[in-house]
């Protein structure tokens, strides 16, 4: 379907009659009205009564507190199904006629994938001008809420000498987990982080593939997914995950002891973006959720889950800031410079992983 302005809900609304004074805005009308006030949006969202997310579980980036606030402040009940970025986009596309989700959180490379699929509902929040240009779609189809940097997390009950670098990992004798490269943005960024550490970037992923090929030849890549349950069961020795996930796992597993570090050679800093389902049954609730995520309170909620807010103007409470990884560990991290290039590179990773890595693990 077209994403052009002529066919957008906002363009249609421009020719629609406005609500009469004193009336309650119809939910569909408010969803379509690009210039509707935040107060009208809240009324329409409350009328919808719920927001259904995908890929935004309680344990990831402290979404738990955001969902609690959406219920307390606006009476929006919430459910989530955890899934990868690719699965989220595919779900929106497959359920055009019977949508079961309203909003998702995807790795930034999947934002443009969702736009290309024609499954996004544009919405620019009241905080739009405070978001860096690299972190938002010009039409409002996606916007980054928080950043993450690939970090090393080590179960120190299983590995006594926790690695601080990619070189340390290569010198070790334990297995390393990164998750599903075919589906998960986190796993793909782990490869990019290794590439950056050894002189590559989004246009030259080979150093990252070489790193994991060396581990695969040593039979040192674990097929265990990087889920909290697998950390709790002791199935994960060392993993490469987003810093906010690593710190979250460390906090959530009181029986475990975990070390978290940003690789000293370098890593990648990237972001996760909300996409609103074009076919959503609760479009206003989804828009209001995006509003809240980018508000001061929403940004602080994410930081409580160790995710670094995208808005630089938000001041974190001292106790929240103190729980973050020390800033000096981020000295060598680098962002993706060209997301179009990274989008194309990331499409090649599943097959590269299958051809170069998976064959060595069988």
Protein backbone atom coordinates (compact mmCIF):
# COMPACT_ATOMS: atom_id res chain seq x y z
CA UNK A 1 0.00 0.00 0.00
CA UNK A 2 1.10 3.56 -0.67
CA UNK A 3 2.67 5.65 2.08
CA UNK A 4 2.40 8.86 0.08
CA UNK A 5 0.90 11.95 1.77
CA UNK A 6 -2.06 11.95 -0.64
CA UNK A 7 -3.23 8.56 0.65
CA UNK A 8 -2.30 8.98 4.30
CA UNK A 9 -4.98 9.14 7.03
CA UNK A 10 -3.77 12.66 7.81
CA UNK A 11 -4.43 13.84 4.26
CA UNK A 12 -7.89 12.29 4.30
CA UNK A 13 -8.67 14.00 7.59
CA UNK A 14 -7.84 17.40 6.13
CA UNK A 15 -11.09 17.23 4.16
CA UNK A 16 -13.16 15.75 6.98
CA UNK A 17 -15.70 17.74 8.98
CA UNK A 18 -14.52 18.77 12.42
CA UNK A 19 -16.22 17.78 15.65
CA UNK A 20 -18.93 20.11 16.86
CA UNK A 21 -18.14 22.17 19.96
CA UNK A 22 -18.53 20.28 23.20
CA UNK A 23 -18.91 16.85 21.60
CA UNK A 24 -16.75 13.83 22.41
CA UNK A 25 -14.37 13.14 19.51
CA UNK A 26 -14.99 9.93 17.65
CA UNK A 27 -11.97 7.60 18.08
CA UNK A 28 -11.58 6.99 14.36
CA UNK A 29 -11.80 10.69 13.57
CA UNK A 30 -9.14 11.56 16.12
CA UNK A 31 -6.89 8.79 14.82
CA UNK A 32 -7.09 10.39 11.39
CA UNK A 33 -6.72 14.00 12.44
CA UNK A 34 -3.09 15.05 12.13
CA UNK A 35 -3.68 18.24 14.10
CA UNK A 36 -5.82 16.76 16.88
CA UNK A 37 -4.90 17.98 20.32
CA UNK A 38 -3.24 15.77 22.89
CA UNK A 39 -6.33 16.11 25.07
CA UNK A 40 -8.52 14.76 22.26
CA UNK A 41 -6.06 11.95 21.69
CA UNK A 42 -6.27 10.98 25.37
CA UNK A 43 -10.08 10.92 25.21
CA UNK A 44 -10.06 8.71 22.12
CA UNK A 45 -7.40 6.39 23.58
CA UNK A 46 -9.38 5.97 26.79
CA UNK A 47 -12.44 5.08 24.70
CA UNK A 48 -10.44 2.29 23.03
CA UNK A 49 -9.47 1.00 26.47
CA UNK A 50 -6.42 -1.10 25.70
CA UNK A 51 -3.12 -1.27 23.87
CA UNK A 52 -1.65 -4.50 22.55
CA UNK A 53 2.09 -4.58 21.90
CA UNK A 54 4.59 -6.95 20.35
CA UNK A 55 8.27 -7.14 21.26
CA UNK A 56 7.78 -4.90 24.32
CA UNK A 57 7.81 -7.34 27.28
CA UNK A 58 7.95 -6.20 30.90
CA UNK A 59 11.55 -7.37 31.32
CA UNK A 60 12.95 -5.45 28.31
CA UNK A 61 14.07 -1.85 28.98
CA UNK A 62 11.63 -1.64 31.92
CA UNK A 63 8.53 -1.59 29.71
CA UNK A 64 6.79 -2.82 32.86
CA UNK A 65 6.61 0.67 34.38
CA UNK A 66 5.44 2.21 31.12
CA UNK A 67 2.53 -0.23 30.91
CA UNK A 68 1.68 0.40 34.57
CA UNK A 69 1.60 4.14 33.90
CA UNK A 70 -0.55 3.74 30.79
CA UNK A 71 -3.06 1.87 32.94
CA UNK A 72 -2.89 4.24 35.92
CA UNK A 73 -2.98 7.47 33.90
CA UNK A 74 -5.24 6.52 31.02
CA UNK A 75 -6.99 3.28 31.98
CA UNK A 76 -5.35 1.38 29.12
CA UNK A 77 -5.07 -2.36 29.74
CA UNK A 78 -2.08 -4.04 28.13
CA UNK A 79 -0.86 -7.36 26.81
CA UNK A 80 2.38 -8.18 24.96
CA UNK A 81 3.70 -11.03 22.86
CA UNK A 82 7.48 -11.08 22.79
CA UNK A 83 8.95 -11.56 19.33
CA UNK A 84 11.80 -10.44 17.12
CA UNK A 85 11.82 -7.32 14.97
CA UNK A 86 11.32 -9.33 11.78
CA UNK A 87 8.42 -11.22 13.30
CA UNK A 88 6.74 -7.98 14.38
CA UNK A 89 6.78 -6.54 10.87
CA UNK A 90 5.59 -9.85 9.41
CA UNK A 91 2.73 -9.99 11.92
CA UNK A 92 1.50 -6.50 11.05
CA UNK A 93 1.60 -7.44 7.36
CA UNK A 94 -0.10 -10.83 7.75
CA UNK A 95 -2.96 -9.56 9.90
CA UNK A 96 -4.24 -6.70 7.74
CA UNK A 97 -7.84 -7.88 7.94
CA UNK A 98 -7.78 -9.06 11.58
CA UNK A 99 -5.09 -7.08 13.43
CA UNK A 100 -4.17 -8.35 16.89
CA UNK A 101 -1.41 -5.83 17.71
CA UNK A 102 -1.23 -2.05 17.89
CA UNK A 103 2.40 -1.11 18.45
CA UNK A 104 5.83 -2.74 18.27
CA UNK A 105 9.44 -2.00 19.18
CA UNK A 106 11.97 -2.86 16.46
CA UNK A 107 15.66 -2.46 15.81
CA UNK A 108 16.18 0.73 13.83
CA UNK A 109 17.12 -1.16 10.66
CA UNK A 110 13.63 -2.69 10.65
CA UNK A 111 11.92 0.71 10.73
CA UNK A 112 12.42 1.21 7.01
CA UNK A 113 11.51 -2.44 6.40
CA UNK A 114 8.14 -1.76 8.03
CA UNK A 115 7.68 1.37 5.91
CA UNK A 116 8.51 -0.56 2.74
CA UNK A 117 5.92 -3.17 3.73
CA UNK A 118 3.34 -0.41 4.11
CA UNK A 119 2.31 -1.44 7.63
CA UNK A 120 3.07 1.73 9.61
CA UNK A 121 0.76 4.50 10.82
CA UNK A 122 2.66 7.82 10.91
CA UNK A 123 2.49 9.85 14.11
CA UNK A 124 4.78 12.67 15.26
CA UNK A 125 4.70 13.26 19.00
CA UNK A 126 4.73 16.61 20.79
CA UNK A 127 8.42 15.94 21.59
CA UNK A 128 9.32 15.40 17.93
CA UNK A 129 11.75 18.32 17.62
CA UNK A 130 13.80 17.00 20.56
CA UNK A 131 14.58 13.74 18.75
CA UNK A 132 17.83 13.66 16.70
CA UNK A 133 17.25 13.48 12.95
CA UNK A 134 19.04 10.14 12.64
CA UNK A 135 16.60 8.63 15.15
CA UNK A 136 13.29 9.32 13.38
CA UNK A 137 11.54 8.87 10.08
CA UNK A 138 10.78 12.17 8.37
CA UNK A 139 7.11 11.19 7.97
CA UNK A 140 6.70 9.86 11.51
CA UNK A 141 6.51 6.18 10.59
CA UNK A 142 9.08 5.22 13.25
CA UNK A 143 11.01 6.93 16.01
CA UNK A 144 13.78 5.71 18.32
CA UNK A 145 12.89 5.79 22.01
CA UNK A 146 16.20 4.66 23.49
CA UNK A 147 19.68 3.56 22.50
CA UNK A 148 21.64 0.44 23.26
CA UNK A 149 25.28 -0.62 22.94
CA UNK A 150 26.33 -4.23 22.51
CA UNK A 151 27.93 -5.42 25.75
CA UNK A 152 29.46 -8.62 27.12
CA UNK A 153 27.60 -10.33 29.96
CA UNK A 154 29.32 -13.18 31.80
CA UNK A 155 27.94 -15.67 34.31
CA UNK A 156 30.82 -15.54 36.78
CA UNK A 157 29.67 -18.75 38.47
CA UNK A 158 30.53 -20.52 35.23
CA UNK A 159 33.37 -18.31 33.93
CA UNK A 160 35.77 -17.14 36.61
CA UNK A 161 37.70 -14.72 34.40
CA UNK A 162 35.01 -12.57 32.73
CA UNK A 163 36.08 -11.22 29.32
CA UNK A 164 36.34 -7.46 28.85
CA UNK A 165 37.07 -7.51 25.13
CA UNK A 166 36.57 -9.49 21.94
CA UNK A 167 40.21 -10.55 22.21
CA UNK A 168 39.51 -11.96 25.68
CA UNK A 169 36.61 -13.94 24.24
CA UNK A 170 38.80 -15.47 21.54
CA UNK A 171 41.30 -16.51 24.20
CA UNK A 172 38.66 -18.16 26.38
CA UNK A 173 37.31 -21.72 26.59
CA UNK A 174 33.59 -21.09 27.17
CA UNK A 175 30.65 -20.87 24.79
CA UNK A 176 29.20 -17.58 23.57
CA UNK A 177 25.53 -16.86 22.81
CA UNK A 178 24.08 -14.11 20.62
CA UNK A 179 20.61 -15.43 19.71
CA UNK A 180 18.89 -15.84 16.34
CA UNK A 181 20.77 -13.99 13.61
CA UNK A 182 17.97 -14.60 11.12
CA UNK A 183 15.38 -12.75 13.19
CA UNK A 184 16.82 -10.66 16.00
CA UNK A 185 18.24 -7.17 15.59
CA UNK A 186 20.28 -7.69 18.77
CA UNK A 187 22.04 -10.70 17.26
CA UNK A 188 22.77 -8.88 14.01
CA UNK A 189 24.19 -5.94 15.93
CA UNK A 190 26.44 -8.30 17.88
CA UNK A 191 28.07 -9.21 14.56
CA UNK A 192 28.33 -5.53 13.65
CA UNK A 193 29.91 -4.78 17.05
CA UNK A 194 32.59 -7.39 16.38
CA UNK A 195 33.14 -5.95 12.91
CA UNK A 196 33.62 -2.46 14.37
CA UNK A 197 36.01 -3.82 16.99
CA UNK A 198 38.25 -5.23 14.26
CA UNK A 199 38.15 -2.30 11.84
CA UNK A 200 34.92 -2.90 9.94
CA UNK A 201 31.58 -1.11 9.83
CA UNK A 202 28.09 -1.48 8.36
CA UNK A 203 29.55 -1.58 4.84
CA UNK A 204 32.26 -4.09 5.79
CA UNK A 205 30.84 -6.80 8.04
CA UNK A 206 33.56 -9.36 7.20
CA UNK A 207 35.68 -8.77 10.35
CA UNK A 208 32.61 -9.65 12.43
CA UNK A 209 31.94 -12.81 10.44
CA UNK A 210 35.62 -13.76 10.78
CA UNK A 211 35.40 -13.37 14.57
CA UNK A 212 32.43 -15.71 14.90
CA UNK A 213 33.89 -18.15 12.37
CA UNK A 214 36.91 -18.53 14.66
CA UNK A 215 34.60 -19.29 17.59
CA UNK A 216 32.58 -21.73 15.49
CA UNK A 217 35.69 -23.64 14.49
CA UNK A 218 36.36 -24.07 18.21
CA UNK A 219 32.74 -25.22 18.72
CA UNK A 220 32.32 -22.30 21.09
CA UNK A 221 29.04 -20.80 19.86
CA UNK A 222 26.05 -21.71 21.98
CA UNK A 223 22.66 -22.18 20.35
CA UNK A 224 20.87 -21.24 23.59
CA UNK A 225 18.72 -18.17 23.11
CA UNK A 226 19.62 -15.10 25.16
CA UNK A 227 16.42 -15.17 27.21
CA UNK A 228 16.35 -14.55 30.92
CA UNK A 229 15.12 -18.11 31.59
CA UNK A 230 18.25 -19.53 29.97
CA UNK A 231 20.46 -17.26 32.09
CA UNK A 232 18.59 -18.43 35.19
CA UNK A 233 19.08 -22.08 34.22
CA UNK A 234 22.82 -21.55 33.71
CA UNK A 235 22.64 -22.38 30.01
CA UNK A 236 24.39 -19.14 29.02
CA UNK A 237 28.04 -18.67 29.98
CA UNK A 238 28.91 -15.53 28.00
CA UNK A 239 26.61 -13.54 25.73
CA UNK A 240 26.68 -10.46 23.55
CA UNK A 241 23.55 -8.41 24.20
CA UNK A 242 22.42 -4.82 24.48
CA UNK A 243 23.81 -3.09 27.56
CA UNK A 244 20.32 -2.46 28.96
CA UNK A 245 19.47 -6.16 28.67
CA UNK A 246 22.74 -7.19 30.29
CA UNK A 247 22.20 -4.86 33.26
CA UNK A 248 18.56 -5.93 33.46
CA UNK A 249 19.44 -9.63 33.58
CA UNK A 250 22.04 -8.91 36.25
CA UNK A 251 19.42 -7.19 38.39
CA UNK A 252 16.60 -9.66 37.78
CA UNK A 253 18.50 -12.85 38.68
CA UNK A 254 19.32 -12.47 42.38
CA UNK A 255 20.73 -15.99 42.60
CA UNK A 256 23.26 -15.28 39.85
CA UNK A 257 26.47 -13.30 39.67
CA UNK A 258 27.10 -11.49 36.42
CA UNK A 259 29.78 -9.22 35.02
CA UNK A 260 28.85 -6.64 32.37
CA UNK A 261 31.34 -4.74 30.21
CA UNK A 262 31.47 -2.79 26.95
CA UNK A 263 34.17 -4.42 24.76
CA UNK A 264 37.32 -2.36 25.03
CA UNK A 265 38.15 -2.48 21.29
CA UNK A 266 34.81 -0.95 20.42
CA UNK A 267 31.15 -1.76 19.86
CA UNK A 268 28.06 -0.42 18.11
CA UNK A 269 25.52 1.96 19.59
CA UNK A 270 22.11 1.80 17.97
CA UNK A 271 18.47 2.31 18.82
CA UNK A 272 15.06 0.71 19.01
CA UNK A 273 12.07 2.38 17.40
CA UNK A 274 8.33 2.19 17.90
CA UNK A 275 6.18 1.35 14.90
CA UNK A 276 2.41 1.77 15.05
CA UNK A 277 0.36 -0.77 13.14
CA UNK A 278 -1.43 0.84 10.20
CA UNK A 279 -4.28 -1.63 10.72
CA UNK A 280 -4.42 -1.22 14.51
CA UNK A 281 -7.72 -1.74 16.31
CA UNK A 282 -6.56 0.80 18.92
CA UNK A 283 -4.65 3.44 16.93
CA UNK A 284 -5.15 6.24 19.44
CA UNK A 285 -3.93 4.11 22.33
CA UNK A 286 -0.85 3.28 20.25
CA UNK A 287 -0.21 6.96 19.47
CA UNK A 288 -0.67 7.91 23.12
CA UNK A 289 1.78 5.17 24.08
CA UNK A 290 4.39 6.67 21.75
CA UNK A 291 3.68 10.08 23.28
CA UNK A 292 4.32 8.73 26.75
CA UNK A 293 7.48 6.84 25.77
CA UNK A 294 9.04 10.10 24.55
CA UNK A 295 7.85 12.18 27.51
CA UNK A 296 10.21 12.94 30.41
CA UNK A 297 8.54 10.28 32.58
CA UNK A 298 8.62 7.71 29.78
CA UNK A 299 12.29 8.34 29.06
CA UNK A 300 13.13 7.97 32.77
CA UNK A 301 11.16 4.70 32.89
CA UNK A 302 13.36 3.34 30.10
CA UNK A 303 16.49 4.47 31.94
CA UNK A 304 15.30 2.57 35.01
CA UNK A 305 15.58 -0.45 32.72
CA UNK A 306 19.13 0.67 31.83
CA UNK A 307 18.16 1.87 28.34
CA UNK A 308 19.77 5.22 27.51
CA UNK A 309 17.05 7.77 26.57
CA UNK A 310 17.07 9.19 23.06
CA UNK A 311 16.25 12.67 24.37
CA UNK A 312 19.45 14.35 25.54
CA UNK A 313 17.49 17.05 27.38
CA UNK A 314 16.03 14.63 29.95
CA UNK A 315 17.81 14.72 33.32
CA UNK A 316 17.91 11.32 35.01
CA UNK A 317 17.44 10.99 38.77
CA UNK A 318 20.81 10.46 40.48
CA UNK A 319 19.95 6.93 41.66
CA UNK A 320 18.98 5.92 38.11
CA UNK A 321 22.09 7.42 36.52
CA UNK A 322 24.31 5.67 39.10
CA UNK A 323 23.20 2.21 37.91
CA UNK A 324 24.37 2.73 34.35
CA UNK A 325 27.68 1.41 32.98
CA UNK A 326 30.42 4.02 33.54
CA UNK A 327 30.57 6.49 30.67
CA UNK A 328 34.29 5.91 30.03
CA UNK A 329 33.56 2.36 28.82
CA UNK A 330 31.75 3.87 25.83
CA UNK A 331 34.82 5.72 24.51
CA UNK A 332 35.24 3.45 21.48
CA UNK A 333 31.62 2.77 20.57
CA UNK A 334 30.41 3.93 17.17
CA UNK A 335 26.96 4.49 15.64
CA UNK A 336 25.85 3.26 12.26
CA UNK A 337 26.68 6.05 9.83
CA UNK A 338 24.48 4.94 6.94
CA UNK A 339 21.30 3.08 7.91
CA UNK A 340 20.42 2.32 4.29
CA UNK A 341 23.74 0.51 3.95
CA UNK A 342 23.19 -1.29 7.25
CA UNK A 343 19.71 -2.31 6.14
CA UNK A 344 21.16 -3.96 3.04
CA UNK A 345 24.02 -5.54 4.99
CA UNK A 346 21.71 -6.90 7.67
CA UNK A 347 19.64 -8.64 4.99
CA UNK A 348 22.71 -10.66 4.02
CA UNK A 349 23.57 -11.75 7.56
CA UNK A 350 21.18 -14.74 7.91
CA UNK A 351 22.64 -16.43 4.83
CA UNK A 352 26.21 -15.46 5.72
CA UNK A 353 25.71 -16.94 9.18
CA UNK A 354 24.26 -20.12 7.70
CA UNK A 355 27.07 -20.51 5.15
CA UNK A 356 30.03 -19.51 7.33
CA UNK A 357 29.02 -20.26 10.93
CA UNK A 358 26.16 -22.73 11.23
CA UNK A 359 27.83 -25.31 8.98
CA UNK A 360 30.74 -25.45 11.42
CA UNK A 361 28.47 -26.16 14.37
CA UNK A 362 26.80 -29.26 12.95
